Amino acid sequence: MKTKIQLVVLFLVLSFVHPAVMAGSNIYQHVDKEGNVTFSNRPIGSAKKIYIGSYSPRKYASNSPALKSFSTPVKDSMQKERNVMRQQILKKELTTEIKLLAATLDHIDEVAGEHQSAQQQEKTVQLKNKLSLHRRNIAALRKELGQ
């Protein structure tokens, strides 16, 4: 009797630790005519079984063309093009953030005054929060650009 109780307790512990023990580990992927993908624990139509056991990229890297493409080195010319494009994007973002900072400062000046209503005070707090966000973004962009 004691052994049966221990087995039941062990089974319950394992079922909470690893839900796949209770639910099963078969997962199926089905793609319908419209291209909608459905995952299920039951096969649907022409569903394909997916194996999701312990996955190790190193184990499958030699067999998977998708994983091989990640390890393919990029040519220097391509990397330089990417770097130039990235720099351009960051510079545009910096310009936009600087404009937004100036606009926020203008709004704060418009709203600020000696006698503010509760609504105006709330608006001022929101604008100051926005202002600090723009300043942080500008600092991060400048750091990224090396300025």
N, C-alpha and C. Protein backbone atom coordinates (compact mmCIF):
# COMPACT_ATOMS: atom_id res chain seq x y z
N MET A 1 0.82 -1.19 0.00
CA MET A 1 0.00 0.00 0.00
C MET A 1 0.86 1.26 0.00
N LYS A 2 1.92 1.24 0.79
CA LYS A 2 2.83 2.38 0.87
C LYS A 2 3.50 2.61 -0.47
N THR A 3 3.84 1.54 -1.16
CA THR A 3 4.48 1.65 -2.47
C THR A 3 3.53 2.27 -3.48
N LYS A 4 2.25 1.90 -3.44
CA LYS A 4 1.27 2.47 -4.36
C LYS A 4 1.11 3.97 -4.14
N ILE A 5 1.09 4.38 -2.89
CA ILE A 5 0.97 5.81 -2.58
C ILE A 5 2.20 6.56 -3.09
N GLN A 6 3.37 5.96 -2.92
CA GLN A 6 4.60 6.59 -3.40
C GLN A 6 4.57 6.70 -4.93
N LEU A 7 4.07 5.69 -5.60
CA LEU A 7 4.00 5.73 -7.07
C LEU A 7 3.01 6.81 -7.53
N VAL A 8 1.88 6.92 -6.85
CA VAL A 8 0.90 7.95 -7.21
C VAL A 8 1.49 9.34 -7.00
N VAL A 9 2.17 9.54 -5.87
CA VAL A 9 2.80 10.82 -5.60
C VAL A 9 3.87 11.13 -6.65
N LEU A 10 4.67 10.14 -7.00
CA LEU A 10 5.70 10.32 -8.02
C LEU A 10 5.08 10.69 -9.36
N PHE A 11 4.00 10.00 -9.72
CA PHE A 11 3.30 10.29 -10.97
C PHE A 11 2.77 11.72 -10.98
N LEU A 12 2.17 12.15 -9.88
CA LEU A 12 1.65 13.52 -9.80
C LEU A 12 2.77 14.55 -9.89
N VAL A 13 3.86 14.30 -9.23
CA VAL A 13 5.00 15.23 -9.28
C VAL A 13 5.53 15.32 -10.71
N LEU A 14 5.71 14.18 -11.35
CA LEU A 14 6.20 14.18 -12.73
C LEU A 14 5.23 14.87 -13.68
N SER A 15 3.94 14.71 -13.46
CA SER A 15 2.96 15.33 -14.34
C SER A 15 2.98 16.85 -14.21
N PHE A 16 3.28 17.37 -13.02
CA PHE A 16 3.39 18.82 -12.86
C PHE A 16 4.72 19.34 -13.36
N VAL A 17 5.77 18.56 -13.20
CA VAL A 17 7.09 18.98 -13.64
C VAL A 17 7.19 18.96 -15.15
N HIS A 18 6.63 17.95 -15.78
CA HIS A 18 6.74 17.84 -17.23
C HIS A 18 5.36 17.57 -17.81
N PRO A 19 4.64 18.62 -18.23
CA PRO A 19 3.27 18.47 -18.71
C PRO A 19 3.15 17.54 -19.91
N ALA A 20 4.22 17.37 -20.67
CA ALA A 20 4.14 16.49 -21.83
C ALA A 20 3.85 15.05 -21.41
N VAL A 21 4.16 14.70 -20.17
CA VAL A 21 3.87 13.36 -19.68
C VAL A 21 2.37 13.13 -19.69
N MET A 22 1.60 14.13 -19.28
CA MET A 22 0.14 14.00 -19.24
C MET A 22 -0.48 14.27 -20.61
N ALA A 23 0.01 15.26 -21.33
CA ALA A 23 -0.64 15.69 -22.56
C ALA A 23 -0.18 14.93 -23.78
N GLY A 24 0.90 14.24 -23.72
CA GLY A 24 1.45 13.62 -24.91
C GLY A 24 2.38 14.61 -25.58
N SER A 25 3.23 14.13 -26.45
CA SER A 25 4.20 15.04 -27.04
C SER A 25 4.07 15.15 -28.55
N ASN A 26 2.96 14.65 -29.12
CA ASN A 26 2.77 14.76 -30.56
C ASN A 26 2.13 16.09 -30.92
N ILE A 27 2.74 16.80 -31.84
CA ILE A 27 2.19 18.06 -32.34
C ILE A 27 2.16 17.96 -33.85
N TYR A 28 1.05 18.41 -34.43
CA TYR A 28 0.86 18.34 -35.87
C TYR A 28 0.66 19.74 -36.42
N GLN A 29 1.19 19.95 -37.64
CA GLN A 29 1.04 21.23 -38.33
C GLN A 29 0.23 20.99 -39.59
N HIS A 30 -0.83 21.78 -39.76
CA HIS A 30 -1.69 21.65 -40.93
C HIS A 30 -1.78 23.01 -41.61
N VAL A 31 -1.62 23.02 -42.93
CA VAL A 31 -1.76 24.24 -43.72
C VAL A 31 -2.96 24.05 -44.64
N ASP A 32 -3.98 24.93 -44.51
CA ASP A 32 -5.18 24.78 -45.35
C ASP A 32 -4.99 25.45 -46.70
N LYS A 33 -6.05 25.44 -47.52
CA LYS A 33 -5.97 25.96 -48.89
C LYS A 33 -5.63 27.45 -48.93
N GLU A 34 -6.07 28.21 -47.92
CA GLU A 34 -5.79 29.65 -47.88
C GLU A 34 -4.42 29.95 -47.30
N GLY A 35 -3.69 28.93 -46.87
CA GLY A 35 -2.37 29.14 -46.30
C GLY A 35 -2.36 29.34 -44.80
N ASN A 36 -3.50 29.18 -44.15
CA ASN A 36 -3.57 29.31 -42.69
C ASN A 36 -2.90 28.11 -42.05
N VAL A 37 -2.06 28.36 -41.08
CA VAL A 37 -1.33 27.29 -40.39
C VAL A 37 -2.02 27.01 -39.06
N THR A 38 -2.26 25.73 -38.81
CA THR A 38 -2.89 25.30 -37.56
C THR A 38 -2.00 24.28 -36.89
N PHE A 39 -1.74 24.46 -35.60
CA PHE A 39 -0.99 23.49 -34.81
C PHE A 39 -1.98 22.80 -33.87
N SER A 40 -1.83 21.49 -33.74
CA SER A 40 -2.76 20.75 -32.90
C SER A 40 -2.07 19.51 -32.34
N ASN A 41 -2.68 18.94 -31.29
CA ASN A 41 -2.15 17.68 -30.77
C ASN A 41 -2.84 16.49 -31.44
N ARG A 42 -3.76 16.78 -32.38
CA ARG A 42 -4.43 15.74 -33.16
C ARG A 42 -4.20 16.00 -34.64
N PRO A 43 -3.98 14.95 -35.44
CA PRO A 43 -3.77 15.16 -36.88
C PRO A 43 -5.05 15.68 -37.55
N ILE A 44 -4.89 16.72 -38.37
CA ILE A 44 -6.00 17.30 -39.11
C ILE A 44 -5.69 17.12 -40.59
N GLY A 45 -6.54 16.44 -41.33
CA GLY A 45 -6.35 16.27 -42.77
C GLY A 45 -4.95 15.79 -43.11
N SER A 46 -4.23 16.62 -43.85
CA SER A 46 -2.88 16.24 -44.30
C SER A 46 -1.81 16.85 -43.39
N ALA A 47 -2.08 16.88 -42.11
CA ALA A 47 -1.15 17.48 -41.15
C ALA A 47 0.14 16.68 -41.09
N LYS A 48 1.22 17.39 -40.86
CA LYS A 48 2.53 16.76 -40.71
C LYS A 48 2.92 16.77 -39.25
N LYS A 49 3.47 15.67 -38.79
CA LYS A 49 3.90 15.57 -37.41
C LYS A 49 5.17 16.38 -37.23
N ILE A 50 5.21 17.17 -36.15
CA ILE A 50 6.39 17.98 -35.85
C ILE A 50 7.08 17.37 -34.65
N TYR A 51 8.38 17.20 -34.76
CA TYR A 51 9.16 16.66 -33.66
C TYR A 51 9.80 17.81 -32.91
N ILE A 52 9.44 17.96 -31.64
CA ILE A 52 9.94 19.09 -30.87
C ILE A 52 10.73 18.64 -29.65
N GLY A 53 11.19 17.43 -29.66
CA GLY A 53 11.96 16.92 -28.53
C GLY A 53 13.14 17.82 -28.26
N SER A 54 14.09 17.37 -27.54
CA SER A 54 15.23 18.22 -27.23
C SER A 54 15.89 18.63 -28.53
N TYR A 55 16.00 19.91 -28.71
CA TYR A 55 16.53 20.47 -29.95
C TYR A 55 17.89 21.08 -29.68
N SER A 56 18.81 20.71 -30.49
CA SER A 56 20.15 21.29 -30.40
C SER A 56 20.55 21.78 -31.78
N PRO A 57 20.80 23.08 -31.95
CA PRO A 57 21.19 23.59 -33.26
C PRO A 57 22.42 22.88 -33.81
N ARG A 58 23.34 22.53 -32.95
CA ARG A 58 24.56 21.86 -33.43
C ARG A 58 24.24 20.49 -34.00
N LYS A 59 23.25 19.83 -33.40
CA LYS A 59 22.90 18.49 -33.83
C LYS A 59 22.33 18.49 -35.24
N TYR A 60 21.53 19.53 -35.58
CA TYR A 60 20.86 19.56 -36.86
C TYR A 60 21.51 20.52 -37.86
N ALA A 61 22.52 21.24 -37.47
CA ALA A 61 23.11 22.26 -38.34
C ALA A 61 23.61 21.68 -39.65
N SER A 62 24.16 20.51 -39.62
CA SER A 62 24.71 19.94 -40.85
C SER A 62 23.61 19.51 -41.81
N ASN A 63 22.40 19.25 -41.32
CA ASN A 63 21.32 18.76 -42.16
C ASN A 63 20.35 19.86 -42.60
N SER A 64 20.39 21.02 -41.98
CA SER A 64 19.39 22.04 -42.24
C SER A 64 19.95 23.18 -43.09
N PRO A 65 19.39 23.37 -44.31
CA PRO A 65 19.85 24.49 -45.14
C PRO A 65 19.54 25.83 -44.48
N ALA A 66 18.44 25.93 -43.73
CA ALA A 66 18.11 27.20 -43.08
C ALA A 66 19.16 27.58 -42.05
N LEU A 67 19.61 26.60 -41.27
CA LEU A 67 20.63 26.89 -40.27
C LEU A 67 21.98 27.16 -40.93
N LYS A 68 22.25 26.52 -42.06
CA LYS A 68 23.50 26.79 -42.77
C LYS A 68 23.56 28.23 -43.25
N SER A 69 22.41 28.79 -43.67
CA SER A 69 22.42 30.16 -44.18
C SER A 69 22.79 31.15 -43.09
N PHE A 70 22.51 30.84 -41.82
CA PHE A 70 22.88 31.74 -40.74
C PHE A 70 24.38 31.73 -40.49
N SER A 71 25.01 30.64 -40.81
CA SER A 71 26.44 30.55 -40.55
C SER A 71 27.29 30.97 -41.74
N THR A 72 26.66 31.29 -42.88
CA THR A 72 27.40 31.71 -44.05
C THR A 72 27.93 33.12 -43.83
N PRO A 73 29.23 33.33 -43.98
CA PRO A 73 29.78 34.67 -43.76
C PRO A 73 29.29 35.65 -44.83
N VAL A 74 29.11 36.89 -44.44
CA VAL A 74 28.68 37.94 -45.35
C VAL A 74 29.91 38.58 -45.97
N LYS A 75 29.82 38.87 -47.26
CA LYS A 75 30.94 39.52 -47.94
C LYS A 75 31.15 40.91 -47.35
N ASP A 76 32.41 41.35 -47.37
CA ASP A 76 32.75 42.66 -46.81
C ASP A 76 31.97 43.79 -47.48
N SER A 77 31.82 43.71 -48.80
CA SER A 77 31.11 44.78 -49.52
C SER A 77 29.64 44.84 -49.08
N MET A 78 29.02 43.68 -48.89
CA MET A 78 27.63 43.63 -48.45
C MET A 78 27.50 44.19 -47.03
N GLN A 79 28.45 43.83 -46.17
CA GLN A 79 28.41 44.33 -44.79
C GLN A 79 28.59 45.84 -44.76
N LYS A 80 29.47 46.37 -45.63
CA LYS A 80 29.67 47.82 -45.68
C LYS A 80 28.40 48.53 -46.13
N GLU A 81 27.70 47.93 -47.12
CA GLU A 81 26.43 48.51 -47.57
C GLU A 81 25.41 48.52 -46.43
N ARG A 82 25.35 47.44 -45.69
CA ARG A 82 24.42 47.35 -44.57
C ARG A 82 24.76 48.40 -43.51
N ASN A 83 26.04 48.57 -43.24
CA ASN A 83 26.47 49.55 -42.24
C ASN A 83 26.11 50.97 -42.67
N VAL A 84 26.29 51.28 -43.96
CA VAL A 84 25.95 52.61 -44.47
C VAL A 84 24.45 52.84 -44.34
N MET A 85 23.66 51.84 -44.72
CA MET A 85 22.21 51.96 -44.64
C MET A 85 21.77 52.14 -43.18
N ARG A 86 22.39 51.39 -42.30
CA ARG A 86 22.06 51.49 -40.87
C ARG A 86 22.39 52.89 -40.35
N GLN A 87 23.54 53.42 -40.74
CA GLN A 87 23.93 54.76 -40.31
C GLN A 87 22.91 55.80 -40.80
N GLN A 88 22.46 55.64 -42.05
CA GLN A 88 21.48 56.57 -42.61
C GLN A 88 20.17 56.52 -41.82
N ILE A 89 19.73 55.32 -41.49
CA ILE A 89 18.50 55.16 -40.73
C ILE A 89 18.64 55.81 -39.35
N LEU A 90 19.77 55.56 -38.69
CA LEU A 90 19.99 56.14 -37.36
C LEU A 90 20.04 57.66 -37.42
N LYS A 91 20.66 58.22 -38.47
CA LYS A 91 20.73 59.68 -38.62
C LYS A 91 19.34 60.27 -38.82
N LYS A 92 18.50 59.58 -39.62
CA LYS A 92 17.13 60.06 -39.82
C LYS A 92 16.36 60.01 -38.50
N GLU A 93 16.53 58.94 -37.75
CA GLU A 93 15.86 58.84 -36.46
C GLU A 93 16.32 59.94 -35.51
N LEU A 94 17.62 60.24 -35.53
CA LEU A 94 18.16 61.30 -34.68
C LEU A 94 17.56 62.64 -35.06
N THR A 95 17.49 62.93 -36.36
CA THR A 95 16.89 64.18 -36.82
C THR A 95 15.43 64.29 -36.38
N THR A 96 14.71 63.20 -36.51
CA THR A 96 13.30 63.19 -36.10
C THR A 96 13.16 63.42 -34.60
N GLU A 97 13.99 62.77 -33.82
CA GLU A 97 13.93 62.94 -32.36
C GLU A 97 14.27 64.36 -31.95
N ILE A 98 15.23 64.99 -32.62
CA ILE A 98 15.60 66.38 -32.31
C ILE A 98 14.42 67.31 -32.61
N LYS A 99 13.74 67.07 -33.74
CA LYS A 99 12.56 67.88 -34.08
C LYS A 99 11.45 67.68 -33.05
N LEU A 100 11.23 66.43 -32.65
CA LEU A 100 10.20 66.16 -31.64
C LEU A 100 10.55 66.78 -30.30
N LEU A 101 11.83 66.78 -29.95
CA LEU A 101 12.27 67.42 -28.71
C LEU A 101 11.95 68.91 -28.75
N ALA A 102 12.28 69.57 -29.88
CA ALA A 102 12.02 71.00 -30.00
C ALA A 102 10.52 71.29 -29.94
N ALA A 103 9.72 70.47 -30.59
CA ALA A 103 8.26 70.66 -30.57
C ALA A 103 7.72 70.48 -29.15
N THR A 104 8.24 69.50 -28.43
CA THR A 104 7.80 69.27 -27.05
C THR A 104 8.17 70.44 -26.16
N LEU A 105 9.38 70.97 -26.34
CA LEU A 105 9.80 72.16 -25.56
C LEU A 105 8.87 73.34 -25.83
N ASP A 106 8.49 73.53 -27.11
CA ASP A 106 7.56 74.61 -27.46
C ASP A 106 6.20 74.41 -26.77
N HIS A 107 5.72 73.18 -26.77
CA HIS A 107 4.43 72.89 -26.12
C HIS A 107 4.49 73.15 -24.62
N ILE A 108 5.62 72.80 -24.02
CA ILE A 108 5.77 73.04 -22.58
C ILE A 108 5.72 74.54 -22.31
N ASP A 109 6.40 75.33 -23.15
CA ASP A 109 6.38 76.79 -22.98
C ASP A 109 4.96 77.34 -23.13
N GLU A 110 4.18 76.79 -24.05
CA GLU A 110 2.81 77.25 -24.27
C GLU A 110 1.91 76.94 -23.07
N VAL A 111 2.08 75.73 -22.52
CA VAL A 111 1.21 75.27 -21.43
C VAL A 111 1.64 75.85 -20.09
N ALA A 112 2.94 76.05 -19.92
CA ALA A 112 3.47 76.51 -18.62
C ALA A 112 2.98 77.92 -18.31
N GLY A 113 2.68 78.13 -17.09
CA GLY A 113 2.25 79.43 -16.62
C GLY A 113 2.13 79.40 -15.11
N GLU A 114 1.96 80.54 -14.52
CA GLU A 114 1.87 80.61 -13.06
C GLU A 114 0.60 79.97 -12.53
N HIS A 115 -0.52 80.25 -13.16
CA HIS A 115 -1.80 79.75 -12.67
C HIS A 115 -2.30 78.67 -13.63
N GLN A 116 -1.98 77.43 -13.30
CA GLN A 116 -2.39 76.32 -14.15
C GLN A 116 -3.56 75.58 -13.50
N SER A 117 -4.48 75.16 -14.35
CA SER A 117 -5.56 74.31 -13.86
C SER A 117 -5.00 72.90 -13.69
N ALA A 118 -5.77 72.06 -13.06
CA ALA A 118 -5.34 70.67 -12.86
C ALA A 118 -5.08 69.98 -14.20
N GLN A 119 -5.92 70.29 -15.19
CA GLN A 119 -5.75 69.69 -16.52
C GLN A 119 -4.45 70.18 -17.16
N GLN A 120 -4.13 71.45 -17.01
CA GLN A 120 -2.89 71.99 -17.56
C GLN A 120 -1.68 71.41 -16.84
N GLN A 121 -1.78 71.21 -15.54
CA GLN A 121 -0.68 70.60 -14.79
C GLN A 121 -0.43 69.17 -15.26
N GLU A 122 -1.51 68.43 -15.47
CA GLU A 122 -1.37 67.05 -15.97
C GLU A 122 -0.73 67.06 -17.35
N LYS A 123 -1.13 67.97 -18.20
CA LYS A 123 -0.56 68.10 -19.55
C LYS A 123 0.93 68.42 -19.46
N THR A 124 1.31 69.29 -18.53
CA THR A 124 2.72 69.64 -18.34
C THR A 124 3.53 68.43 -17.90
N VAL A 125 2.99 67.63 -17.00
CA VAL A 125 3.68 66.42 -16.54
C VAL A 125 3.88 65.46 -17.72
N GLN A 126 2.83 65.28 -18.51
CA GLN A 126 2.93 64.39 -19.68
C GLN A 126 3.99 64.89 -20.66
N LEU A 127 4.01 66.19 -20.89
CA LEU A 127 5.00 66.77 -21.81
C LEU A 127 6.42 66.62 -21.28
N LYS A 128 6.59 66.77 -19.96
CA LYS A 128 7.92 66.60 -19.38
C LYS A 128 8.38 65.15 -19.48
N ASN A 129 7.45 64.21 -19.31
CA ASN A 129 7.80 62.79 -19.51
C ASN A 129 8.21 62.53 -20.95
N LYS A 130 7.47 63.13 -21.87
CA LYS A 130 7.78 63.00 -23.29
C LYS A 130 9.15 63.60 -23.59
N LEU A 131 9.41 64.73 -22.95
CA LEU A 131 10.69 65.43 -23.12
C LEU A 131 11.85 64.55 -22.69
N SER A 132 11.72 63.90 -21.53
CA SER A 132 12.81 63.03 -21.06
C SER A 132 12.97 61.82 -21.97
N LEU A 133 11.88 61.31 -22.52
CA LEU A 133 11.96 60.20 -23.46
C LEU A 133 12.75 60.60 -24.71
N HIS A 134 12.45 61.77 -25.26
CA HIS A 134 13.17 62.25 -26.45
C HIS A 134 14.65 62.45 -26.13
N ARG A 135 14.95 62.99 -24.97
CA ARG A 135 16.36 63.19 -24.58
C ARG A 135 17.10 61.87 -24.47
N ARG A 136 16.44 60.86 -23.89
CA ARG A 136 17.08 59.52 -23.78
C ARG A 136 17.30 58.93 -25.17
N ASN A 137 16.29 59.06 -26.05
CA ASN A 137 16.43 58.54 -27.41
C ASN A 137 17.57 59.22 -28.16
N ILE A 138 17.66 60.54 -28.00
CA ILE A 138 18.74 61.29 -28.66
C ILE A 138 20.11 60.83 -28.14
N ALA A 139 20.22 60.68 -26.83
CA ALA A 139 21.48 60.22 -26.25
C ALA A 139 21.85 58.83 -26.77
N ALA A 140 20.87 57.93 -26.83
CA ALA A 140 21.15 56.57 -27.30
C ALA A 140 21.55 56.57 -28.78
N LEU A 141 20.86 57.35 -29.58
CA LEU A 141 21.18 57.43 -31.01
C LEU A 141 22.56 58.03 -31.23
N ARG A 142 22.88 59.09 -30.49
CA ARG A 142 24.22 59.68 -30.61
C ARG A 142 25.31 58.70 -30.19
N LYS A 143 25.05 57.96 -29.16
CA LYS A 143 26.02 56.95 -28.70
C LYS A 143 26.20 55.90 -29.80
N GLU A 144 25.11 55.45 -30.37
CA GLU A 144 25.17 54.44 -31.43
C GLU A 144 25.90 54.95 -32.66
N LEU A 145 25.71 56.24 -32.95
CA LEU A 145 26.37 56.84 -34.11
C LEU A 145 27.81 57.25 -33.81
N GLY A 146 28.19 57.19 -32.56
CA GLY A 146 29.55 57.56 -32.18
C GLY A 146 29.76 59.06 -32.14
N GLN A 147 28.73 59.81 -31.82
CA GLN A 147 28.82 61.28 -31.78
C GLN A 147 29.03 61.75 -30.37
